[in-house]
N, C-alpha and C. Protein backbone atom coordinates (compact mmCIF):
# COMPACT_ATOMS: atom_id res chain seq x y z
N UNK A 1 58.55 -100.19 21.63
CA UNK A 1 58.79 -100.92 20.41
C UNK A 1 57.42 -101.06 19.43
N UNK A 2 56.36 -100.94 20.35
CA UNK A 2 55.04 -100.97 19.63
C UNK A 2 54.49 -99.57 19.17
N UNK A 3 55.01 -98.49 19.89
CA UNK A 3 54.43 -97.27 19.40
C UNK A 3 54.53 -96.74 18.00
N UNK A 4 55.84 -96.69 17.53
CA UNK A 4 55.94 -96.35 15.94
C UNK A 4 54.95 -97.16 15.24
N UNK A 5 54.71 -98.59 15.28
CA UNK A 5 53.91 -99.06 14.51
C UNK A 5 52.22 -98.48 14.74
N UNK A 6 51.86 -98.42 15.88
CA UNK A 6 50.66 -98.02 16.48
C UNK A 6 50.34 -96.44 15.85
N UNK A 7 51.34 -95.62 15.90
CA UNK A 7 51.30 -94.39 15.23
C UNK A 7 51.10 -94.26 13.93
N UNK A 8 51.90 -95.07 13.10
CA UNK A 8 52.05 -95.45 11.83
C UNK A 8 50.40 -95.93 11.39
N UNK A 9 49.90 -96.52 12.01
CA UNK A 9 48.47 -97.33 11.73
C UNK A 9 47.60 -96.10 12.07
N UNK A 10 47.60 -95.34 12.99
CA UNK A 10 46.50 -94.39 13.36
C UNK A 10 46.49 -93.48 12.06
N UNK A 11 47.86 -92.96 11.78
CA UNK A 11 47.93 -92.03 10.78
C UNK A 11 47.25 -92.47 9.59
N UNK A 12 47.63 -93.79 8.81
CA UNK A 12 47.06 -94.37 7.87
C UNK A 12 45.42 -94.45 8.01
N UNK A 13 45.00 -94.84 9.16
CA UNK A 13 43.51 -94.66 9.21
C UNK A 13 42.93 -93.39 8.88
N UNK A 14 43.61 -92.35 9.58
CA UNK A 14 43.28 -90.83 9.54
C UNK A 14 43.37 -90.40 8.00
N UNK A 15 44.52 -90.92 7.27
CA UNK A 15 44.49 -90.54 5.80
C UNK A 15 43.56 -91.03 5.03
N UNK A 16 42.98 -92.24 5.39
CA UNK A 16 42.02 -93.08 4.58
C UNK A 16 40.66 -92.10 4.98
N UNK A 17 40.31 -91.91 5.95
CA UNK A 17 39.38 -91.09 6.58
C UNK A 17 39.10 -89.65 5.76
N UNK A 18 40.32 -89.14 5.61
CA UNK A 18 40.43 -87.87 5.18
C UNK A 18 39.90 -88.22 3.33
N UNK A 19 40.57 -89.18 3.05
CA UNK A 19 40.73 -89.54 1.39
C UNK A 19 39.05 -89.65 1.21
N UNK A 20 38.47 -90.40 2.08
CA UNK A 20 36.82 -90.57 1.96
C UNK A 20 35.94 -89.40 1.92
N UNK A 21 36.37 -88.82 2.72
CA UNK A 21 35.80 -87.31 3.02
C UNK A 21 36.05 -86.36 1.83
N UNK A 22 37.37 -86.39 1.50
CA UNK A 22 37.65 -85.51 0.27
C UNK A 22 36.67 -85.91 -1.18
N UNK A 23 36.68 -87.42 -0.99
CA UNK A 23 35.98 -88.06 -2.29
C UNK A 23 34.40 -87.61 -2.27
N UNK A 24 34.02 -88.00 -1.06
CA UNK A 24 32.54 -87.50 -0.83
C UNK A 24 32.19 -85.90 -1.28
N UNK A 25 33.12 -85.08 -0.52
CA UNK A 25 33.00 -83.97 -1.07
C UNK A 25 33.20 -83.44 -2.31
N UNK A 26 34.07 -84.02 -3.11
CA UNK A 26 34.03 -84.05 -4.53
C UNK A 26 32.92 -84.25 -5.20
N UNK A 27 32.28 -85.46 -4.97
CA UNK A 27 30.97 -85.81 -5.78
C UNK A 27 29.81 -85.08 -5.19
N UNK A 28 29.88 -84.66 -3.84
CA UNK A 28 28.52 -83.49 -3.73
C UNK A 28 28.89 -82.29 -4.47
N UNK A 29 30.11 -81.72 -4.67
CA UNK A 29 30.41 -80.56 -5.34
C UNK A 29 30.07 -80.68 -6.92
N UNK A 30 30.26 -81.73 -7.28
CA UNK A 30 30.23 -82.04 -8.65
C UNK A 30 28.31 -82.31 -8.89
N UNK A 31 27.61 -82.87 -8.20
CA UNK A 31 26.51 -82.91 -8.05
C UNK A 31 25.67 -81.43 -7.72
N UNK A 32 26.23 -80.82 -7.25
CA UNK A 32 25.66 -79.38 -6.99
C UNK A 32 26.16 -78.30 -8.23
N UNK A 33 27.28 -78.63 -8.69
CA UNK A 33 27.72 -77.68 -9.86
C UNK A 33 26.72 -78.28 -11.31
N UNK A 34 26.62 -79.43 -11.18
CA UNK A 34 25.79 -80.08 -12.18
C UNK A 34 23.99 -79.42 -12.24
N UNK A 35 23.62 -79.53 -10.94
CA UNK A 35 22.41 -79.10 -10.82
C UNK A 35 22.12 -77.54 -10.90
N UNK A 36 23.43 -76.88 -10.47
CA UNK A 36 23.22 -75.59 -10.74
C UNK A 36 23.40 -74.86 -12.24
N UNK A 37 23.92 -75.79 -12.98
CA UNK A 37 24.10 -75.62 -14.71
C UNK A 37 22.76 -75.79 -15.25
N UNK A 38 22.00 -76.84 -14.72
CA UNK A 38 20.94 -77.22 -15.22
C UNK A 38 19.65 -76.04 -14.81
N UNK A 39 19.74 -75.77 -13.46
CA UNK A 39 18.83 -74.77 -12.86
C UNK A 39 19.07 -73.27 -13.71
N UNK A 40 20.16 -73.03 -14.13
CA UNK A 40 20.48 -71.77 -14.83
C UNK A 40 19.68 -71.87 -16.14
N UNK A 41 19.84 -73.14 -16.95
CA UNK A 41 19.14 -73.05 -18.22
C UNK A 41 18.07 -73.33 -18.02
N UNK A 42 17.09 -73.91 -17.07
CA UNK A 42 15.97 -73.94 -16.82
C UNK A 42 15.41 -72.53 -16.70
N UNK A 43 16.07 -71.69 -15.79
CA UNK A 43 15.70 -70.32 -15.61
C UNK A 43 15.61 -69.35 -17.09
N UNK A 44 16.56 -69.64 -17.76
CA UNK A 44 16.66 -68.94 -18.98
C UNK A 44 15.49 -69.38 -20.02
N UNK A 45 15.11 -70.42 -19.96
CA UNK A 45 13.99 -71.09 -20.78
C UNK A 45 12.74 -70.38 -20.22
N UNK A 46 12.19 -70.62 -18.78
CA UNK A 46 11.41 -70.25 -18.34
C UNK A 46 11.08 -68.74 -18.36
N UNK A 47 12.01 -67.94 -18.55
CA UNK A 47 12.05 -66.58 -18.80
C UNK A 47 11.33 -66.54 -20.15
N UNK A 48 11.62 -67.06 -20.98
CA UNK A 48 11.16 -66.90 -22.39
C UNK A 48 9.90 -67.92 -22.75
N UNK A 49 9.16 -68.50 -21.49
CA UNK A 49 8.18 -69.07 -21.79
C UNK A 49 8.16 -70.35 -22.63
N UNK A 50 9.55 -70.78 -22.55
CA UNK A 50 10.28 -72.09 -23.26
C UNK A 50 9.98 -73.14 -22.31
N UNK A 51 9.25 -74.67 -22.72
CA UNK A 51 9.44 -75.76 -22.11
C UNK A 51 10.33 -76.67 -22.35
N UNK A 52 11.12 -77.23 -21.58
CA UNK A 52 11.88 -78.35 -21.79
C UNK A 52 11.61 -79.46 -21.11
N UNK A 53 11.56 -80.58 -21.80
CA UNK A 53 11.12 -81.97 -21.26
C UNK A 53 12.32 -82.28 -20.41
N UNK A 54 13.55 -82.20 -20.72
CA UNK A 54 14.78 -82.52 -20.33
C UNK A 54 15.83 -81.74 -20.44
N UNK A 55 16.72 -81.21 -19.15
CA UNK A 55 17.78 -80.79 -19.31
C UNK A 55 19.01 -81.45 -18.58
N UNK A 56 20.14 -81.83 -19.01
CA UNK A 56 21.29 -82.51 -18.63
C UNK A 56 22.68 -81.84 -18.91
N UNK A 57 23.19 -81.77 -17.62
CA UNK A 57 24.51 -81.50 -17.83
C UNK A 57 25.65 -82.60 -17.59
N UNK A 58 26.70 -82.48 -18.38
CA UNK A 58 27.81 -83.58 -18.12
C UNK A 58 29.13 -82.76 -17.61
N UNK A 59 29.58 -82.88 -16.76
CA UNK A 59 30.72 -82.22 -16.07
C UNK A 59 31.91 -83.08 -15.85
N UNK A 60 33.05 -82.75 -15.60
CA UNK A 60 34.31 -83.26 -15.06
C UNK A 60 34.81 -82.25 -13.89
N UNK A 61 35.25 -82.94 -13.25
CA UNK A 61 35.77 -82.27 -11.69
C UNK A 61 37.12 -82.74 -11.89
N UNK A 62 38.11 -81.96 -12.17
CA UNK A 62 39.70 -82.33 -12.00
C UNK A 62 40.10 -82.39 -10.76
N UNK A 63 41.41 -82.77 -10.83
CA UNK A 63 41.86 -83.00 -9.21
C UNK A 63 42.29 -81.58 -8.55
N UNK A 64 42.37 -80.58 -9.10
CA UNK A 64 42.70 -79.54 -8.65
C UNK A 64 41.26 -78.65 -8.33
N UNK A 65 39.87 -79.71 -8.46
CA UNK A 65 38.64 -78.95 -8.24
C UNK A 65 38.21 -78.10 -9.19
N UNK A 66 38.89 -77.84 -10.18
CA UNK A 66 38.09 -76.97 -11.38
C UNK A 66 37.25 -78.06 -11.88
N UNK A 67 36.25 -77.20 -12.32
CA UNK A 67 35.02 -77.86 -13.23
C UNK A 67 34.99 -77.41 -14.51
N UNK A 68 34.85 -78.57 -15.50
CA UNK A 68 34.72 -78.20 -16.90
C UNK A 68 33.32 -78.58 -17.19
N UNK A 69 32.81 -78.25 -18.35
CA UNK A 69 31.43 -78.42 -18.44
C UNK A 69 31.72 -79.31 -20.14
N UNK A 70 31.45 -80.69 -19.95
CA UNK A 70 31.62 -81.38 -21.38
C UNK A 70 30.40 -81.20 -22.17
N UNK A 71 29.36 -81.04 -21.71
CA UNK A 71 28.02 -81.06 -22.70
C UNK A 71 26.87 -80.69 -21.79
N UNK A 72 25.96 -79.74 -22.41
CA UNK A 72 24.83 -79.79 -21.76
C UNK A 72 23.75 -79.94 -22.97
N UNK A 73 22.49 -80.64 -22.80
CA UNK A 73 21.67 -81.34 -23.67
C UNK A 73 20.22 -80.58 -23.00
N UNK A 74 19.67 -80.39 -24.12
CA UNK A 74 18.32 -79.88 -23.69
C UNK A 74 17.28 -80.40 -24.68
N UNK A 75 16.11 -80.99 -24.26
CA UNK A 75 15.08 -81.65 -25.07
C UNK A 75 13.84 -80.78 -24.82
N UNK A 76 13.50 -80.33 -25.80
CA UNK A 76 12.29 -79.35 -25.82
C UNK A 76 11.12 -80.19 -25.73
N UNK A 77 9.80 -79.55 -25.13
CA UNK A 77 8.82 -80.23 -25.13
C UNK A 77 8.04 -80.07 -26.59
N UNK A 78 7.03 -80.89 -26.99
CA UNK A 78 6.44 -80.95 -28.42
C UNK A 78 5.96 -79.63 -28.92
N UNK A 79 5.46 -78.72 -28.04
CA UNK A 79 4.95 -77.71 -28.21
C UNK A 79 6.14 -76.69 -28.77
N UNK A 80 7.41 -76.58 -28.06
CA UNK A 80 8.32 -75.86 -28.46
C UNK A 80 9.61 -76.56 -29.54
N UNK A 81 9.34 -77.52 -29.66
CA UNK A 81 10.61 -78.22 -30.59
C UNK A 81 10.53 -77.62 -31.87
N UNK A 82 9.92 -76.93 -32.40
CA UNK A 82 10.11 -76.14 -33.66
C UNK A 82 10.93 -74.83 -33.29
N UNK A 83 11.26 -74.68 -32.16
CA UNK A 83 12.18 -73.56 -31.86
C UNK A 83 13.74 -73.71 -31.45
N UNK A 84 14.17 -74.96 -31.78
CA UNK A 84 15.33 -75.38 -31.61
C UNK A 84 16.50 -74.52 -31.81
N UNK A 85 16.46 -74.08 -33.05
CA UNK A 85 17.71 -72.91 -33.46
C UNK A 85 17.65 -71.67 -32.56
N UNK A 86 16.37 -71.22 -32.24
CA UNK A 86 16.09 -70.02 -31.33
C UNK A 86 16.64 -70.25 -29.99
N UNK A 87 16.13 -71.44 -29.36
CA UNK A 87 16.71 -71.67 -28.07
C UNK A 87 18.15 -72.09 -28.28
N UNK A 88 18.75 -72.67 -29.02
CA UNK A 88 20.19 -72.79 -29.28
C UNK A 88 21.12 -71.30 -29.01
N UNK A 89 20.44 -70.41 -29.89
CA UNK A 89 21.00 -69.38 -30.04
C UNK A 89 20.96 -68.34 -28.60
N UNK A 90 19.80 -68.61 -28.03
CA UNK A 90 19.40 -67.89 -26.66
C UNK A 90 20.29 -68.28 -25.67
N UNK A 91 20.44 -69.76 -25.47
CA UNK A 91 21.23 -70.46 -24.70
C UNK A 91 22.81 -70.20 -24.81
N UNK A 92 22.97 -69.96 -26.01
CA UNK A 92 24.69 -69.44 -26.27
C UNK A 92 24.87 -68.04 -25.76
N UNK A 93 24.09 -67.12 -26.10
CA UNK A 93 24.12 -65.90 -25.68
C UNK A 93 23.95 -65.87 -24.39
N UNK A 94 23.08 -66.34 -23.57
CA UNK A 94 23.08 -66.05 -22.13
C UNK A 94 24.37 -66.69 -21.62
N UNK A 95 24.86 -68.09 -21.95
CA UNK A 95 25.63 -68.87 -21.14
C UNK A 95 27.10 -68.81 -21.64
N UNK A 96 27.06 -68.48 -22.97
CA UNK A 96 28.45 -68.76 -23.68
C UNK A 96 28.72 -70.06 -24.10
N UNK A 97 27.88 -71.06 -23.79
CA UNK A 97 28.05 -72.52 -24.08
C UNK A 97 27.29 -72.82 -25.38
N UNK A 98 27.77 -73.83 -26.04
CA UNK A 98 27.37 -74.45 -27.28
C UNK A 98 26.38 -75.46 -26.70
N UNK A 99 25.19 -75.45 -26.50
CA UNK A 99 24.13 -76.36 -26.04
C UNK A 99 23.49 -77.17 -27.09
N UNK A 100 23.23 -78.66 -26.69
CA UNK A 100 22.61 -79.29 -27.65
C UNK A 100 21.18 -79.48 -27.38
N UNK A 101 20.55 -78.93 -28.40
CA UNK A 101 19.10 -78.67 -28.36
C UNK A 101 18.40 -79.66 -29.09
N UNK A 102 17.45 -80.72 -28.80
CA UNK A 102 16.84 -81.06 -29.69
C UNK A 102 14.97 -81.26 -29.21
N UNK A 103 14.46 -81.87 -30.40
CA UNK A 103 13.12 -81.59 -30.09
C UNK A 103 12.32 -82.55 -29.33
N UNK A 104 11.12 -82.81 -29.10
CA UNK A 104 10.34 -83.83 -28.52
C UNK A 104 10.53 -85.03 -29.00
N UNK A 105 10.81 -86.16 -28.11
CA UNK A 105 10.68 -87.45 -28.52
C UNK A 105 11.98 -88.00 -29.47
N UNK A 106 13.25 -87.18 -29.26
CA UNK A 106 14.32 -87.45 -29.72
C UNK A 106 14.51 -86.89 -31.33
N UNK A 107 13.75 -86.00 -31.62
CA UNK A 107 13.73 -85.53 -32.87
C UNK A 107 15.39 -84.93 -32.81
N UNK A 108 15.69 -84.79 -34.47
CA UNK A 108 17.29 -84.38 -34.70
C UNK A 108 17.48 -83.31 -33.79
N UNK A 109 18.79 -83.33 -33.28
CA UNK A 109 19.33 -82.20 -32.51
C UNK A 109 19.97 -81.12 -33.68
N UNK A 110 19.97 -79.94 -33.10
CA UNK A 110 20.55 -78.80 -33.81
C UNK A 110 21.98 -79.00 -33.97
N UNK A 111 22.76 -78.67 -34.92
CA UNK A 111 24.13 -78.73 -35.11
C UNK A 111 24.43 -80.29 -35.79
N UNK A 112 23.39 -80.93 -36.22
CA UNK A 112 23.49 -82.10 -36.87
C UNK A 112 23.75 -81.79 -38.31
N UNK A 113 23.93 -82.82 -39.20
CA UNK A 113 23.98 -82.64 -40.81
C UNK A 113 22.89 -81.82 -41.28
N UNK A 114 21.77 -82.21 -40.56
CA UNK A 114 20.17 -81.67 -41.33
C UNK A 114 19.95 -80.39 -40.65
N UNK A 115 20.60 -79.99 -39.50
CA UNK A 115 20.30 -78.96 -38.76
C UNK A 115 20.19 -77.97 -38.09
């Protein structure tokens, strides 16, 4: 009489553990994907001797584990902030992405009304 209940309870615990593992793996996959995108952009910039103060990727992982890139932002160093358009085009050519590029200290981003 108690065995079916016990079996069901054990299965629920196992399912919950699996869901926790799957969620953890999905988060780790997301962090890895995000850092890979940021590293690729960094490598492209370094190859052209361009310095970025900040590179940040915003991604989304779907239930089917496909990764979509919502946005990639680059903040250039003060030295390279005048090269925004050049950097935006370089990154578009190298990655196929429309990457948001701004100058140091939050100067206006390329693609804005002014620029």
